[in-house]
Protein backbone atom coordinates (compact mmCIF):
# COMPACT_ATOMS: atom_id res chain seq x y z
CA MET A 1 111.30 152.20 95.41
CA LEU A 2 108.28 151.19 93.26
CA ASN A 3 105.97 151.83 96.20
CA THR A 4 107.50 155.27 96.68
CA LEU A 5 107.11 156.13 92.98
CA SER A 6 103.50 154.94 93.00
CA LYS A 7 102.74 157.18 95.99
CA ILE A 8 104.33 160.16 94.26
CA PHE A 9 102.32 159.43 91.12
CA CYS A 10 99.10 159.28 93.14
CA ILE A 11 99.89 162.61 94.78
CA LEU A 12 100.64 164.24 91.41
CA PHE A 13 97.47 162.77 89.89
CA PHE A 14 95.39 164.07 92.78
CA VAL A 15 96.89 167.55 92.48
CA GLN A 16 96.25 167.75 88.75
CA THR A 17 92.62 166.59 88.96
CA SER A 18 91.55 168.40 92.11
CA TYR A 19 89.56 171.62 91.84
CA ALA A 20 89.37 172.54 95.52
CA GLN A 21 89.58 176.28 96.19
CA LEU A 22 92.79 177.58 97.80
CA ILE A 23 92.11 179.55 100.97
CA PRO A 24 94.74 181.93 102.36
CA ILE A 25 95.94 181.45 105.94
CA THR A 26 96.90 184.12 108.40
CA GLU A 27 100.44 184.91 109.55
CA ASN A 28 99.67 183.46 112.99
CA GLU A 29 98.48 180.17 111.45
CA LEU A 30 101.56 180.05 109.25
CA SER A 31 103.89 180.57 112.23
CA ASP A 32 102.46 177.42 113.86
CA MET A 33 103.48 175.26 110.90
CA SER A 34 106.83 173.57 110.36
CA GLY A 35 108.31 171.29 107.71
CA GLN A 36 111.31 170.37 105.67
CA ALA A 37 111.88 170.33 101.93
CA PHE A 38 111.91 166.89 100.31
CA ILE A 39 114.73 168.06 98.02
CA ASN A 40 117.25 170.64 99.18
CA VAL A 41 119.81 172.14 96.77
CA ASP A 42 122.80 174.08 98.11
CA ARG A 43 125.45 175.93 96.14
CA LEU A 44 128.56 175.96 98.32
CA GLN A 45 132.20 177.00 98.20
CA THR A 46 133.50 174.99 101.14
CA ALA A 47 135.51 172.34 99.30
CA LYS A 48 139.19 172.86 98.51
CA ASN A 49 141.55 171.19 96.06
CA SER A 50 145.11 169.98 96.68
CA SER A 51 146.40 173.53 96.06
CA ASP A 52 144.11 174.87 98.82
CA GLN A 53 142.01 176.71 96.26
CA ALA A 54 138.26 177.01 96.76
CA ILE A 55 136.06 174.65 94.78
CA ASP A 56 132.40 175.29 94.03
CA THR A 57 130.05 172.45 94.90
CA THR A 58 126.39 171.77 94.31
CA LYS A 59 124.83 169.54 96.95
CA ILE A 60 121.45 167.90 96.39
CA THR A 61 120.00 166.41 99.61
CA LEU A 62 116.93 164.19 99.76
CA GLY A 63 115.01 164.31 103.02
CA LEU A 64 114.53 160.55 103.24
CA ASP A 65 114.93 157.83 105.85
CA ILE A 66 115.79 154.57 104.08
CA LYS A 67 116.03 150.99 105.29
CA THR A 68 117.64 148.61 102.82
CA SER A 69 119.17 145.17 102.41
CA VAL A 70 121.72 144.81 99.62
CA ASN A 71 123.77 141.86 98.35
CA ALA A 72 126.27 141.97 95.48
CA ASP A 73 128.73 139.35 94.28
CA LEU A 74 131.39 142.00 93.65
CA LEU A 75 131.84 145.72 94.31
CA ASP A 76 134.71 146.79 92.04
CA LEU A 77 135.35 150.55 91.72
CA GLY A 78 138.29 152.42 90.20
CA ASN A 79 139.69 149.50 88.24
CA TYR A 80 142.61 151.04 86.32
CA GLU A 81 146.39 151.19 86.33
CA ARG A 82 147.62 153.38 89.18
CA ASN A 83 151.29 154.28 89.70
CA GLY A 84 152.24 151.60 87.21
CA SER A 85 150.26 148.85 88.93
CA ALA A 86 146.97 147.28 87.91
CA GLY A 87 144.22 146.88 90.45
CA SER A 88 141.14 148.51 91.92
CA ASP A 89 140.72 151.41 94.32
CA ILE A 90 137.90 149.54 96.03
CA ARG A 91 137.35 145.82 95.56
CA ILE A 92 134.99 143.96 97.89
CA ASN A 93 133.81 140.44 97.11
CA ASP A 94 130.40 139.33 98.39
CA PHE A 95 129.46 142.86 99.43
CA ALA A 96 126.36 143.31 101.58
CA LEU A 97 124.51 145.94 103.59
CA GLY A 98 122.21 144.72 106.35
CA ARG A 99 121.98 141.26 107.87
CA ILE A 100 119.61 138.49 108.95
CA ASP A 101 119.34 137.82 112.68
CA SER A 102 119.13 134.46 114.47
CA ASP A 103 115.31 134.53 114.21
CA GLY A 104 115.46 134.86 110.42
CA LYS A 105 114.42 138.50 110.41
CA ILE A 106 116.03 141.07 108.14
CA VAL A 107 117.91 143.77 110.06
CA PRO A 108 118.23 146.47 107.40
CA PHE A 109 121.01 148.97 106.86
CA GLU A 110 119.58 152.37 107.79
CA ILE A 111 120.48 155.68 106.16
CA SER A 112 119.05 159.17 106.44
CA ASP A 113 119.27 162.32 104.32
CA PRO A 114 121.15 160.83 101.32
CA PHE A 115 122.86 163.37 99.08
CA ILE A 116 124.77 163.83 95.85
CA GLU A 117 127.44 166.51 95.76
CA LEU A 118 129.12 167.72 92.57
CA ALA A 119 132.46 169.58 92.59
CA PHE A 120 133.41 172.10 89.90
CA ASP A 121 136.73 173.75 89.13
CA THR A 122 136.94 176.99 87.15
CA ASP A 123 139.66 177.18 84.49
CA ALA A 124 141.53 180.26 83.26
CA ALA A 125 138.82 180.93 80.67
CA GLY A 126 136.15 181.03 83.37
CA LYS A 127 134.63 177.70 82.37
CA GLU A 128 133.42 175.35 85.10
CA ASN A 129 134.55 171.74 84.81
CA LEU A 130 133.18 168.81 86.77
CA ILE A 131 136.08 167.24 88.69
CA GLY A 132 134.26 164.91 91.03
CA LEU A 133 131.19 163.82 92.89
CA ARG A 134 130.33 162.06 96.09
CA LEU A 135 127.38 160.00 97.25
CA GLY A 136 126.84 160.39 100.97
CA PHE A 137 124.46 160.08 103.89
CA GLY A 138 123.57 162.40 106.73
CA GLY A 139 123.53 159.35 109.01
CA ALA A 140 124.08 155.60 108.64
CA LYS A 141 124.02 152.47 110.80
CA GLY A 142 123.99 148.75 110.22
CA ALA A 143 126.11 145.81 109.13
CA LEU A 144 128.56 146.20 106.25
CA SER A 145 129.88 142.83 105.10
CA GLY A 146 132.34 141.62 102.50
CA ASN A 147 135.73 140.22 101.70
CA ILE A 148 137.75 143.43 101.28
CA GLU A 149 140.61 142.84 98.85
CA SER A 150 141.68 146.48 98.52
CA LEU A 151 140.39 149.73 99.93
CA THR A 152 141.11 153.36 99.16
CA GLY A 153 139.67 155.64 101.77
CA LYS A 154 139.49 156.55 105.41
CA ILE A 155 138.39 153.96 107.93
CA ASN A 156 139.16 154.61 111.60
CA ILE A 157 138.53 151.63 113.87
CA ASP A 158 138.29 152.07 117.63
CA ILE A 159 139.75 149.01 119.41
CA PHE A 160 138.28 149.00 122.89
CA GLY A 161 138.08 146.23 125.46
CA ARG A 162 139.68 144.03 128.13
CA ALA A 163 143.45 143.54 128.00
CA ALA A 164 143.24 139.73 128.36
CA PRO A 165 143.73 139.06 124.61
CA VAL A 166 146.68 141.49 124.59
CA ARG A 167 148.36 139.71 127.51
CA ALA A 168 147.65 136.30 125.97
CA SER A 169 149.35 137.35 122.73
CA THR A 170 152.70 138.25 124.28
CA THR A 171 155.46 136.30 126.05
CA PHE A 172 155.48 135.25 129.70
CA GLY A 173 158.19 137.82 130.48
CA ASN A 174 156.17 140.62 128.91
CA ARG A 175 153.08 139.56 130.86
CA ILE A 176 155.10 139.98 134.07
CA LEU A 177 156.13 143.47 132.97
CA LEU A 178 152.51 144.35 132.18
CA SER A 179 151.43 143.04 135.60
CA ILE A 180 154.07 145.19 137.32
CA ALA A 181 152.72 148.17 135.40
CA GLY A 182 149.23 147.36 136.66
CA ILE A 183 147.78 146.09 133.37
CA GLY A 184 145.81 142.95 134.19
CA ASN A 185 143.35 140.83 132.25
CA ASN A 186 140.43 143.08 133.23
CA THR A 187 142.18 146.34 132.43
CA ILE A 188 140.26 148.24 129.74
CA LEU A 189 142.49 149.50 126.93
CA ARG A 190 141.81 151.58 123.85
CA ALA A 191 143.73 151.90 120.57
CA GLY A 192 143.01 153.47 117.22
CA ALA A 193 143.50 151.59 113.95
CA GLU A 194 143.41 152.75 110.35
CA LEU A 195 144.55 151.72 106.89
CA VAL A 196 148.33 151.22 106.90
CA GLN A 197 151.23 149.72 104.99
CA ALA A 198 152.99 146.56 106.15
CA ASN A 199 155.50 148.74 108.06
CA GLY A 200 152.79 150.57 110.02
CA GLU A 201 152.85 153.84 108.08
CA PRO A 202 149.42 155.21 107.13
CA ASN A 203 148.25 154.29 103.64
CA ALA A 204 144.96 155.50 102.20
CA VAL A 205 145.42 154.09 98.67
CA ARG A 206 144.53 150.49 97.75
CA SER A 207 145.38 149.27 101.21
CA THR A 208 145.06 145.63 102.23
CA ILE A 209 146.06 146.11 105.89
CA VAL A 210 144.45 147.77 108.89
CA GLY A 211 146.41 148.41 112.08
CA VAL A 212 147.69 150.72 114.78
CA PRO A 213 149.90 153.25 112.94
CA ASN A 214 153.48 153.93 113.97
CA ARG A 215 154.02 156.22 116.96
CA THR A 216 150.49 155.55 118.24
CA ASN A 217 150.10 154.46 121.86
CA LEU A 218 147.49 152.37 123.61
CA SER A 219 145.61 154.18 126.36
CA CYS A 220 144.28 152.81 129.65
CA ILE A 221 140.59 153.49 130.38
CA ASP A 222 139.68 151.47 133.48
CA GLU A 223 141.23 149.09 136.04
CA CYS A 224 144.55 150.88 135.47
CA GLY A 225 147.57 150.51 137.72
CA VAL A 226 149.66 153.43 138.95
CA LEU A 227 152.35 152.82 136.35
CA SER A 228 150.08 151.84 133.48
CA GLY A 229 150.01 155.30 131.92
CA ILE A 230 153.82 155.54 131.94
CA ALA A 231 154.18 152.00 130.58
CA LEU A 232 151.75 152.53 127.71
CA ALA A 233 153.35 155.87 126.85
CA LEU A 234 156.60 154.01 126.26
CA LEU A 235 154.94 151.27 124.22
CA GLY A 236 154.08 153.00 120.98
CA SER A 237 153.41 150.81 117.97
CA THR A 238 156.48 150.44 115.72
CA ASN A 239 156.53 148.47 112.49
CA CYS A 240 153.16 146.95 113.42
CA ASN A 241 154.47 145.59 116.71
CA VAL A 242 154.22 146.29 120.45
CA LEU A 243 155.97 143.95 122.93
CA GLY A 244 156.07 141.25 120.28
CA ILE A 245 152.33 141.65 119.68
CA ASP A 246 151.17 142.20 116.11
CA THR A 247 149.24 145.42 115.76
CA CYS A 248 148.46 145.20 112.02
CA PHE A 249 146.21 142.67 110.31
CA PRO A 250 144.88 141.83 106.82
CA ILE A 251 141.69 143.78 106.36
CA ASP A 252 139.96 140.79 104.77
CA ILE A 253 139.67 139.01 108.15
CA TYR A 254 137.02 141.53 109.19
CA ARG A 255 134.05 140.11 107.29
CA THR A 256 131.34 142.23 108.95
CA LEU A 257 131.70 145.71 110.42
CA GLU A 258 128.95 147.49 112.34
CA VAL A 259 128.67 151.08 111.12
CA GLY A 260 127.24 153.46 113.71
CA ASN A 261 127.94 155.05 117.06
CA LYS A 262 128.00 152.30 119.71
CA GLN A 263 126.11 153.08 122.92
CA THR A 264 126.85 151.83 126.43
CA ASP A 265 124.04 149.28 126.18
CA GLY A 266 125.54 147.78 123.02
CA SER A 267 123.02 149.35 120.64
CA PHE A 268 123.96 151.69 117.79
CA THR A 269 122.79 155.09 116.66
CA GLU A 270 123.38 156.58 113.23
CA ALA A 271 126.84 158.01 112.59
CA PRO A 272 127.28 160.92 110.16
CA GLY A 273 129.99 161.07 107.50
CA LEU A 274 129.66 157.90 105.41
CA PHE A 275 130.30 158.71 101.74
CA LEU A 276 131.74 157.36 98.50
CA SER A 277 133.50 159.80 96.16
CA PHE A 278 134.89 159.72 92.63
CA LEU A 279 137.49 162.40 91.86
CA SER A 280 139.90 163.46 89.15
CA GLU A 281 141.90 165.48 91.71
CA LYS A 282 142.17 165.56 95.50
CA ILE A 283 139.47 167.49 97.31
CA THR A 284 138.73 168.43 100.91
CA TRP A 285 134.95 168.42 100.83
CA GLU A 286 134.27 170.35 104.00
CA PRO A 287 136.02 171.53 107.18
CA GLY A 288 137.16 168.56 109.26
CA THR A 289 136.98 166.05 106.41
CA GLN A 290 140.21 164.35 105.41
CA GLN A 291 141.40 165.23 101.93
CA THR A 292 140.15 162.48 99.66
CA GLU A 293 142.28 160.72 97.08
CA THR A 294 141.67 160.68 93.34
CA GLY A 295 139.68 157.80 91.92
CA ALA A 296 137.17 155.95 94.09
CA PHE A 297 137.31 156.73 97.82
CA LEU A 298 135.25 155.35 100.72
CA ASN A 299 134.97 157.43 103.89
CA VAL A 300 133.73 155.63 107.01
CA PRO A 301 132.78 158.07 109.80
CA ASN A 302 135.03 158.62 112.81
CA GLY A 303 133.72 156.68 115.79
CA GLY A 304 131.59 154.65 113.41
CA LEU A 305 133.44 151.34 113.89
CA GLU A 306 134.40 149.65 117.15
CA VAL A 307 135.90 146.20 117.82
CA ASP A 308 137.38 144.54 120.90
CA PHE A 309 140.93 143.16 121.07
CA GLU A 310 139.76 139.59 120.49
CA GLN A 311 138.13 140.69 117.24
CA ALA A 312 141.13 142.83 116.31
CA PHE A 313 143.52 139.89 116.61
CA ASN A 314 141.31 137.13 115.21
CA GLY A 315 138.96 138.90 112.83
CA ILE A 316 135.18 139.08 112.69
CA GLU A 317 132.94 136.36 111.29
CA ARG A 318 130.58 137.35 108.52
CA ALA A 319 127.02 138.01 109.58
CA ARG A 320 124.29 136.14 107.78
CA THR A 321 123.17 138.23 104.81
CA LYS A 322 121.03 135.79 102.79
CA TYR A 323 118.37 133.24 103.62
CA VAL A 324 120.35 130.71 101.59
CA ASP A 325 123.79 131.91 102.65
CA PRO A 326 127.09 130.18 101.73
CA TYR A 327 128.82 132.12 104.53
CA TYR A 328 126.61 130.89 107.33
CA ASP A 329 126.22 127.36 108.71
């Protein structure tokens, strides 16, 4: 940040002390030039409140590509009494962005086009009142680590991988049934997980559990038997359980999550949609965005998180985030 500010200062100093003559360019020369504003300000009316009324927003976007490494002992947002219970909307111990690889090199968390968006409601007297803001990114990728104690937001996890851990988690009789249906150890299955209650119903407020929500089925992607589609259609998750297999887990067992769109070669590209909002009333920020809750709200982009079934059942170890790291041996 200091380097950036020093560069800006040098540019401003040069501009103020330079006496070079400005020379006009032709229309043809101008048409060959392209660029993008460093700061872009948009006045929009795309957000809606809980009553489906239009909300005016002012969005300030910075045309920056940022690589960062962040460590914090505690991220505690929205700490107040809610529905008669004390707690925090978002509470993450030992929060970190970015990681250190096995060679001791920093692998930063990458973000592009960060923005601040302010939402205004107009009262009966015609006065605009600030009812919320969000801090977001046009794209983001990298490791997000922490011990998540509670989370208010939207976090869709794609569980994708071989069925071996699924078969190993159920009884011998159920494994026979899965084999008859053509679901073997090498069958590739997919399931969607999100924040839920202990009974499998979706829960976006101060959740401590992530899992396959009720009435959601696993799907077969590859190495599927003839009857696998019919079998999986009958095996929807109910009360966090399918065939005696737990489908919901404490969110704090996932100590590091890779944000980004996973490619076939295992690499990641930036995923759009990561933002953190603070609201006094519910708002739908833009078409296709889930209505956010009041208080602090973290939105992780769809398709931005993927784990295999082994990780889903057993959790994910924390990546190394410090050179002297108490979480890494």
